[in-house]
Every structure is written in C-alpha cells, then in structure tokens.
PDB file of N, CA and C in Angstrom:
ATOM      1  N   UNK A   1     -10.730  11.402  -2.020  1.00  0.00           N
ATOM      2  CA  UNK A   1     -10.124  10.634  -2.979  1.00  0.00           C
ATOM      3  C   UNK A   1      -9.969   9.216  -2.368  1.00  0.00           C
ATOM      4  N   UNK A   2     -10.310   8.240  -3.230  1.00  0.00           N
ATOM      5  CA  UNK A   2     -10.169   6.829  -2.729  1.00  0.00           C
ATOM      6  C   UNK A   2      -9.199   6.069  -3.724  1.00  0.00           C
ATOM      7  N   UNK A   3      -8.339   5.381  -3.136  1.00  0.00           N
ATOM      8  CA  UNK A   3      -7.378   4.460  -3.898  1.00  0.00           C
ATOM      9  C   UNK A   3      -7.460   3.128  -3.108  1.00  0.00           C
ATOM     10  N   UNK A   4      -7.199   2.084  -4.022  1.00  0.00           N
ATOM     11  CA  UNK A   4      -7.210   0.789  -3.493  1.00  0.00           C
ATOM     12  C   UNK A   4      -5.688   0.180  -3.250  1.00  0.00           C
ATOM     13  N   UNK A   5      -5.616  -0.742  -2.333  1.00  0.00           N
ATOM     14  CA  UNK A   5      -4.244  -1.407  -2.093  1.00  0.00           C
ATOM     15  C   UNK A   5      -4.622  -2.875  -2.032  1.00  0.00           C
ATOM     16  N   UNK A   6      -3.697  -3.683  -2.560  1.00  0.00           N
ATOM     17  CA  UNK A   6      -3.836  -5.110  -2.422  1.00  0.00           C
ATOM     18  C   UNK A   6      -2.555  -5.750  -2.384  1.00  0.00           C
ATOM     19  N   UNK A   7      -2.545  -7.050  -2.012  1.00  0.00           N
ATOM     20  CA  UNK A   7      -1.347  -7.896  -2.033  1.00  0.00           C
ATOM     21  C   UNK A   7      -1.422  -8.618  -3.349  1.00  0.00           C
ATOM     22  N   UNK A   8      -0.197  -8.475  -3.987  1.00  0.00           N
ATOM     23  CA  UNK A   8      -0.211  -9.082  -5.282  1.00  0.00           C
ATOM     24  C   UNK A   8       0.613 -10.462  -5.288  1.00  0.00           C
ATOM     25  N   UNK A   9       0.215 -11.418  -6.161  1.00  0.00           N
ATOM     26  CA  UNK A   9       1.024 -12.660  -6.233  1.00  0.00           C
ATOM     27  C   UNK A   9       1.545 -12.680  -7.664  1.00  0.00           C
ATOM     28  N   UNK A  10       2.508 -13.649  -7.901  1.00  0.00           N
ATOM     29  CA  UNK A  10       2.856 -14.110  -9.315  1.00  0.00           C
ATOM     30  C   UNK A  10       4.078 -13.123  -9.642  1.00  0.00           C
ATOM     31  N   UNK A  11       3.831 -12.148 -10.548  1.00  0.00           N
ATOM     32  CA  UNK A  11       4.889 -11.321 -11.116  1.00  0.00           C
ATOM     33  C   UNK A  11       5.473 -10.390 -10.275  1.00  0.00           C
ATOM     34  N   UNK A  12       4.751 -10.009  -9.098  1.00  0.00           N
ATOM     35  CA  UNK A  12       5.197  -8.993  -8.235  1.00  0.00           C
ATOM     36  C   UNK A  12       6.446  -9.325  -7.448  1.00  0.00           C
ATOM     37  N   UNK A  13       7.257  -8.285  -7.182  1.00  0.00           N
ATOM     38  CA  UNK A  13       8.552  -8.515  -6.419  1.00  0.00           C
ATOM     39  C   UNK A  13       8.238  -8.505  -4.959  1.00  0.00           C
ATOM     40  N   UNK A  14       9.118  -9.000  -4.153  1.00  0.00           N
ATOM     41  CA  UNK A  14       8.752  -9.105  -2.739  1.00  0.00           C
ATOM     42  C   UNK A  14       7.859 -10.392  -2.335  1.00  0.00           C
ATOM     43  N   UNK A  15       7.686 -10.495  -1.110  1.00  0.00           N
ATOM     44  CA  UNK A  15       6.823 -11.576  -0.502  1.00  0.00           C
ATOM     45  C   UNK A  15       5.558 -11.202  -0.385  1.00  0.00           C
ATOM     46  N   UNK A  16       4.534 -12.136  -0.277  1.00  0.00           N
ATOM     47  CA  UNK A  16       3.184 -11.915   0.100  1.00  0.00           C
ATOM     48  C   UNK A  16       3.216 -11.259   1.402  1.00  0.00           C
ATOM     49  N   UNK A  17       3.999 -11.652   2.310  1.00  0.00           N
ATOM     50  CA  UNK A  17       3.996 -11.150   3.737  1.00  0.00           C
ATOM     51  C   UNK A  17       4.533  -9.624   3.743  1.00  0.00           C
ATOM     52  N   UNK A  18       5.416  -9.206   2.817  1.00  0.00           N
ATOM     53  CA  UNK A  18       5.790  -7.971   2.676  1.00  0.00           C
ATOM     54  C   UNK A  18       4.441  -7.110   2.206  1.00  0.00           C
ATOM     55  N   UNK A  19       3.786  -7.626   1.288  1.00  0.00           N
ATOM     56  CA  UNK A  19       2.582  -6.851   0.720  1.00  0.00           C
ATOM     57  C   UNK A  19       1.587  -6.717   1.862  1.00  0.00           C
ATOM     58  N   UNK A  20       1.383  -7.706   2.562  1.00  0.00           N
ATOM     59  CA  UNK A  20       0.432  -7.727   3.675  1.00  0.00           C
ATOM     60  C   UNK A  20       0.798  -6.730   4.645  1.00  0.00           C
ATOM     61  N   UNK A  21       2.071  -6.597   5.060  1.00  0.00           N
ATOM     62  CA  UNK A  21       2.617  -5.667   6.020  1.00  0.00           C
ATOM     63  C   UNK A  21       2.222  -4.291   5.577  1.00  0.00           C
ATOM     64  N   UNK A  22       2.475  -3.909   4.281  1.00  0.00           N
ATOM     65  CA  UNK A  22       2.280  -2.656   3.700  1.00  0.00           C
ATOM     66  C   UNK A  22       0.808  -2.372   3.818  1.00  0.00           C
ATOM     67  N   UNK A  23      -0.017  -3.196   3.449  1.00  0.00           N
ATOM     68  CA  UNK A  23      -1.584  -2.998   3.481  1.00  0.00           C
ATOM     69  C   UNK A  23      -1.808  -2.800   4.888  1.00  0.00           C
ATOM     70  N   UNK A  24      -1.524  -3.436   5.838  1.00  0.00           N
ATOM     71  CA  UNK A  24      -1.676  -3.264   7.255  1.00  0.00           C
ATOM     72  C   UNK A  24      -1.242  -1.909   7.730  1.00  0.00           C
ATOM     73  N   UNK A  25      -0.044  -1.461   7.341  1.00  0.00           N
ATOM     74  CA  UNK A  25       0.443  -0.131   7.538  1.00  0.00           C
ATOM     75  C   UNK A  25      -0.519   0.805   7.182  1.00  0.00           C
ATOM     76  N   UNK A  26      -0.926   0.868   5.845  1.00  0.00           N
ATOM     77  CA  UNK A  26      -1.853   1.819   5.246  1.00  0.00           C
ATOM     78  C   UNK A  26      -3.209   1.871   6.075  1.00  0.00           C
ATOM     79  N   UNK A  27      -3.526   0.773   6.723  1.00  0.00           N
ATOM     80  CA  UNK A  27      -4.785   0.656   7.495  1.00  0.00           C
ATOM     81  C   UNK A  27      -4.648   1.178   8.909  1.00  0.00           C
ATOM     82  N   UNK A  28      -3.426   1.282   9.318  1.00  0.00           N
ATOM     83  CA  UNK A  28      -3.061   1.703  10.670  1.00  0.00           C
ATOM     84  C   UNK A  28      -3.529   3.209  11.046  1.00  0.00           C
ATOM     85  N   UNK A  29      -3.632   3.453  12.265  1.00  0.00           N
ATOM     86  CA  UNK A  29      -3.926   4.858  12.708  1.00  0.00           C
ATOM     87  C   UNK A  29      -3.052   5.974  12.188  1.00  0.00           C
ATOM     88  N   UNK A  30      -1.679   5.691  12.250  1.00  0.00           N
ATOM     89  CA  UNK A  30      -0.903   6.849  11.834  1.00  0.00           C
ATOM     90  C   UNK A  30      -1.050   7.043  10.291  1.00  0.00           C
ATOM     91  N   UNK A  31      -0.991   6.100   9.477  1.00  0.00           N
ATOM     92  CA  UNK A  31      -1.081   6.307   8.124  1.00  0.00           C
ATOM     93  C   UNK A  31      -2.362   6.866   7.672  1.00  0.00           C
ATOM     94  N   UNK A  32      -3.494   6.339   8.397  1.00  0.00           N
ATOM     95  CA  UNK A  32      -4.865   6.815   8.038  1.00  0.00           C
ATOM     96  C   UNK A  32      -5.022   8.425   8.519  1.00  0.00           C
ATOM     97  N   UNK A  33      -4.319   8.716   9.325  1.00  0.00           N
ATOM     98  CA  UNK A  33      -4.294  10.229   9.816  1.00  0.00           C
ATOM     99  C   UNK A  33      -3.507  11.104   8.787  1.00  0.00           C
ATOM    100  N   UNK A  34      -2.415  10.607   8.273  1.00  0.00           N
ATOM    101  CA  UNK A  34      -1.674  11.350   7.271  1.00  0.00           C
ATOM    102  C   UNK A  34      -2.521  11.330   5.888  1.00  0.00           C
ATOM    103  N   UNK A  35      -3.079  10.181   5.479  1.00  0.00           N
ATOM    104  CA  UNK A  35      -3.965  10.191   4.384  1.00  0.00           C
ATOM    105  C   UNK A  35      -5.127  11.027   4.302  1.00  0.00           C
ATOM    106  N   UNK A  36      -5.796  10.965   5.497  1.00  0.00           N
ATOM    107  CA  UNK A  36      -7.032  11.886   5.757  1.00  0.00           C
ATOM    108  C   UNK A  36      -6.604  13.262   5.545  1.00  0.00           C
ATOM    109  N   UNK A  37      -5.423  13.788   6.185  1.00  0.00           N
ATOM    110  CA  UNK A  37      -4.902  15.143   6.081  1.00  0.00           C
ATOM    111  C   UNK A  37      -4.723  15.572   4.687  1.00  0.00           C
ATOM    112  N   UNK A  38      -4.343  14.599   3.835  1.00  0.00           N
ATOM    113  CA  UNK A  38      -4.094  14.742   2.345  1.00  0.00           C
ATOM    114  C   UNK A  38      -5.452  14.816   1.525  1.00  0.00           C
ATOM    115  N   UNK A  39      -6.669  14.456   2.112  1.00  0.00           N
ATOM    116  CA  UNK A  39      -7.918  14.532   1.344  1.00  0.00           C
ATOM    117  C   UNK A  39      -8.295  13.099   1.119  1.00  0.00           C
ATOM    118  N   UNK A  40      -7.797  12.025   1.560  1.00  0.00           N
ATOM    119  CA  UNK A  40      -8.316  10.784   1.282  1.00  0.00           C
ATOM    120  C   UNK A  40      -9.420  10.417   2.367  1.00  0.00           C
ATOM    121  N   UNK A  41     -10.349   9.539   1.963  1.00  0.00           N
ATOM    122  CA  UNK A  41     -11.204   9.081   2.891  1.00  0.00           C
ATOM    123  C   UNK A  41     -10.686   7.978   3.758  1.00  0.00           C
ATOM    124  N   UNK A  42     -11.369   7.931   4.909  1.00  0.00           N
ATOM    125  CA  UNK A  42     -10.871   6.791   5.770  1.00  0.00           C
ATOM    126  C   UNK A  42     -11.432   5.484   5.193  1.00  0.00           C
ATOM    127  N   UNK A  43     -11.055   4.400   5.968  1.00  0.00           N
ATOM    128  CA  UNK A  43     -11.303   3.102   5.564  1.00  0.00           C
ATOM    129  C   UNK A  43     -12.954   2.794   5.368  1.00  0.00           C
ATOM    130  N   UNK A  44     -13.793   3.466   6.066  1.00  0.00           N
ATOM    131  CA  UNK A  44     -15.165   3.372   5.958  1.00  0.00           C
ATOM    132  C   UNK A  44     -15.751   4.300   4.972  1.00  0.00           C
ATOM    133  N   UNK A  45     -14.859   5.110   4.375  1.00  0.00           N
ATOM    134  CA  UNK A  45     -15.535   5.985   3.180  1.00  0.00           C
ATOM    135  C   UNK A  45     -15.773   7.364   3.769  1.00  0.00           C
ATOM    136  N   UNK A  46     -15.531   7.705   5.008  1.00  0.00           N
ATOM    137  CA  UNK A  46     -15.967   9.076   5.507  1.00  0.00           C
ATOM    138  C   UNK A  46     -14.789  10.040   5.287  1.00  0.00           C
ATOM    139  N   UNK A  47     -15.076  11.221   5.259  1.00  0.00           N
ATOM    140  CA  UNK A  47     -14.050  12.373   5.143  1.00  0.00           C
ATOM    141  C   UNK A  47     -13.571  12.511   3.711  1.00  0.00           C
ATOM    142  N   UNK A  48     -12.472  13.031   3.643  1.00  0.00           N
ATOM    143  CA  UNK A  48     -11.895  13.337   2.174  1.00  0.00           C
ATOM    144  C   UNK A  48     -12.135  14.823   1.992  1.00  0.00           C
ATOM    145  N   UNK A  49     -12.075  15.303   0.792  1.00  0.00           N
ATOM    146  CA  UNK A  49     -12.382  16.634   0.476  1.00  0.00           C
ATOM    147  C   UNK A  49     -13.844  16.884   0.375  1.00  0.00           C
ATOM    148  N   UNK A  50     -14.268  18.203   0.448  1.00  0.00           N
ATOM    149  CA  UNK A  50     -15.601  18.556   0.432  1.00  0.00           C
ATOM    150  C   UNK A  50     -16.225  18.024  -0.958  1.00  0.00           C
ATOM    151  N   UNK A  51     -15.625  18.068  -1.886  1.00  0.00           N
ATOM    152  CA  UNK A  51     -16.136  17.677  -3.290  1.00  0.00           C
ATOM    153  C   UNK A  51     -16.503  16.225  -3.156  1.00  0.00           C
ATOM    154  N   UNK A  52     -15.687  15.366  -2.375  1.00  0.00           N
ATOM    155  CA  UNK A  52     -15.883  13.896  -2.327  1.00  0.00           C
ATOM    156  C   UNK A  52     -17.354  13.574  -1.732  1.00  0.00           C
ATOM    157  N   UNK A  53     -17.814  14.526  -0.996  1.00  0.00           N
ATOM    158  CA  UNK A  53     -19.196  14.290  -0.377  1.00  0.00           C
ATOM    159  C   UNK A  53     -20.350  14.185  -1.392  1.00  0.00           C
ATOM    160  N   UNK A  54     -20.048  14.748  -2.540  1.00  0.00           N
ATOM    161  CA  UNK A  54     -21.039  14.767  -3.794  1.00  0.00           C
ATOM    162  C   UNK A  54     -20.858  13.603  -4.573  1.00  0.00           C
ATOM    163  N   UNK A  55     -19.864  12.658  -4.365  1.00  0.00           N
ATOM    164  CA  UNK A  55     -19.583  11.579  -5.363  1.00  0.00           C
ATOM    165  C   UNK A  55     -20.277  10.334  -4.824  1.00  0.00           C
ATOM    166  N   UNK A  56     -20.867   9.702  -5.869  1.00  0.00           N
ATOM    167  CA  UNK A  56     -21.633   8.486  -5.519  1.00  0.00           C
ATOM    168  C   UNK A  56     -20.567   7.329  -5.283  1.00  0.00           C
ATOM    169  N   UNK A  57     -20.569   6.512  -4.323  1.00  0.00           N
ATOM    170  CA  UNK A  57     -19.684   5.517  -4.188  1.00  0.00           C
ATOM    171  C   UNK A  57     -20.211   4.302  -4.831  1.00  0.00           C
ATOM    172  N   UNK A  58     -19.553   3.507  -5.724  1.00  0.00           N
ATOM    173  CA  UNK A  58     -20.099   2.284  -6.204  1.00  0.00           C
ATOM    174  C   UNK A  58     -19.772   1.200  -5.432  1.00  0.00           C
ATOM    175  N   UNK A  59     -20.546   0.141  -5.458  1.00  0.00           N
ATOM    176  CA  UNK A  59     -20.251  -1.089  -4.743  1.00  0.00           C
ATOM    177  C   UNK A  59     -18.995  -1.817  -5.400  1.00  0.00           C
ATOM    178  N   UNK A  60     -18.439  -2.598  -4.588  1.00  0.00           N
ATOM    179  CA  UNK A  60     -17.265  -3.299  -5.059  1.00  0.00           C
ATOM    180  C   UNK A  60     -17.634  -4.302  -6.104  1.00  0.00           C
ATOM    181  N   UNK A  61     -16.695  -4.666  -7.095  1.00  0.00           N
ATOM    182  CA  UNK A  61     -17.082  -5.605  -8.068  1.00  0.00           C
ATOM    183  C   UNK A  61     -17.289  -7.046  -7.417  1.00  0.00           C
ATOM    184  N   UNK A  62     -18.133  -7.745  -8.107  1.00  0.00           N
ATOM    185  CA  UNK A  62     -18.267  -9.135  -7.539  1.00  0.00           C
ATOM    186  C   UNK A  62     -17.330 -10.143  -8.065  1.00  0.00           C
ATOM    187  N   UNK A  63     -17.238 -11.402  -7.694  1.00  0.00           N
ATOM    188  CA  UNK A  63     -16.196 -12.341  -8.038  1.00  0.00           C
ATOM    189  C   UNK A  63     -16.144 -12.355  -9.510  1.00  0.00           C
ATOM    190  N   UNK A  64     -17.267 -12.460 -10.296  1.00  0.00           N
ATOM    191  CA  UNK A  64     -17.257 -12.684 -11.785  1.00  0.00           C
ATOM    192  C   UNK A  64     -16.600 -11.504 -12.439  1.00  0.00           C
ATOM    193  N   UNK A  65     -17.023 -10.191 -11.934  1.00  0.00           N
ATOM    194  CA  UNK A  65     -16.340  -9.045 -12.551  1.00  0.00           C
ATOM    195  C   UNK A  65     -14.903  -9.048 -12.277  1.00  0.00           C
ATOM    196  N   UNK A  66     -14.417  -9.311 -11.044  1.00  0.00           N
ATOM    197  CA  UNK A  66     -12.896  -9.480 -10.808  1.00  0.00           C
ATOM    198  C   UNK A  66     -12.279 -10.357 -11.711  1.00  0.00           C
ATOM    199  N   UNK A  67     -12.972 -11.548 -11.908  1.00  0.00           N
ATOM    200  CA  UNK A  67     -12.372 -12.580 -12.902  1.00  0.00           C
ATOM    201  C   UNK A  67     -12.147 -11.938 -14.294  1.00  0.00           C
ATOM    202  N   UNK A  68     -13.221 -11.254 -14.686  1.00  0.00           N
ATOM    203  CA  UNK A  68     -13.215 -10.594 -16.021  1.00  0.00           C
ATOM    204  C   UNK A  68     -12.133  -9.555 -16.085  1.00  0.00           C
ATOM    205  N   UNK A  69     -11.987  -8.874 -15.143  1.00  0.00           N
ATOM    206  CA  UNK A  69     -10.861  -7.678 -15.221  1.00  0.00           C
ATOM    207  C   UNK A  69      -9.677  -8.373 -15.111  1.00  0.00           C
ATOM    208  N   UNK A  70      -9.330  -9.377 -14.399  1.00  0.00           N
ATOM    209  CA  UNK A  70      -8.046 -10.177 -14.289  1.00  0.00           C
ATOM    210  C   UNK A  70      -7.705 -10.861 -15.526  1.00  0.00           C
ATOM    211  N   UNK A  71      -8.720 -11.374 -16.243  1.00  0.00           N
ATOM    212  CA  UNK A  71      -8.544 -11.977 -17.666  1.00  0.00           C
ATOM    213  C   UNK A  71      -8.204 -10.896 -18.609  1.00  0.00           C
ATOM    214  N   UNK A  72      -8.785  -9.743 -18.585  1.00  0.00           N
ATOM    215  CA  UNK A  72      -8.449  -8.648 -19.542  1.00  0.00           C
ATOM    216  C   UNK A  72      -7.051  -8.053 -19.212  1.00  0.00           C
ATOM    217  N   UNK A  73      -6.601  -7.952 -18.022  1.00  0.00           N
ATOM    218  CA  UNK A  73      -5.293  -7.484 -17.683  1.00  0.00           C
ATOM    219  C   UNK A  73      -4.405  -8.391 -18.217  1.00  0.00           C
ATOM    220  N   UNK A  74      -4.490  -9.627 -17.970  1.00  0.00           N
ATOM    221  CA  UNK A  74      -3.582 -10.709 -18.380  1.00  0.00           C
ATOM    222  C   UNK A  74      -3.453 -10.777 -19.938  1.00  0.00           C
ATOM    223  N   UNK A  75      -4.588 -10.610 -20.685  1.00  0.00           N
ATOM    224  CA  UNK A  75      -4.450 -10.444 -22.103  1.00  0.00           C
ATOM    225  C   UNK A  75      -3.728  -9.224 -22.609  1.00  0.00           C
ATOM    226  N   UNK A  76      -3.864  -8.147 -22.015  1.00  0.00           N
ATOM    227  CA  UNK A  76      -3.275  -6.908 -22.314  1.00  0.00           C
ATOM    228  C   UNK A  76      -1.704  -6.961 -21.947  1.00  0.00           C
ATOM    229  N   UNK A  77      -1.432  -7.643 -21.065  1.00  0.00           N
ATOM    230  CA  UNK A  77      -0.019  -7.521 -20.584  1.00  0.00           C
ATOM    231  C   UNK A  77       1.129  -8.412 -20.856  1.00  0.00           C
TER     232      UNK A  77
END
C-alpha cells in the first residue's frame, strides 16, 4: 500500500512547521517500522504486501500535472 503525505498551506489548520514535523515523523524509523508491519511500502517503494509486488509504480506527476490537479481541486472546492 502506498499513501502520500504533504505539508499543506492556505486553508489547513496548524502551522507549516507542524505539518513538516508530522511528515518527518512518518519518514522516521519508528513510524516506518509500524507502517511496514501493516503492509505499507517503505520510502523507497520496497516491501508491502505480496500483492504489491505485482503492481506497476507510476512516476510522480510533473509540475504541469500538479498545477492542473491543484486548479481542478480549487474549482471543485
């Protein structure tokens, strides 16, 4: 299983520093061990459930794609 985490700005509650601390916590050894035990892949994409080994990983979106996604989210919301 792969999930994303990001630091939000704007409408989010809390400070950017709070968000960065949470992302840093998720990337730390203790949280990574717990997440891996629950079937999540590590930060390099290794591990996870046996079924995850058959899943093709897509590359991250480029800047233009991210801008389009942000625009669509803003229009929807």
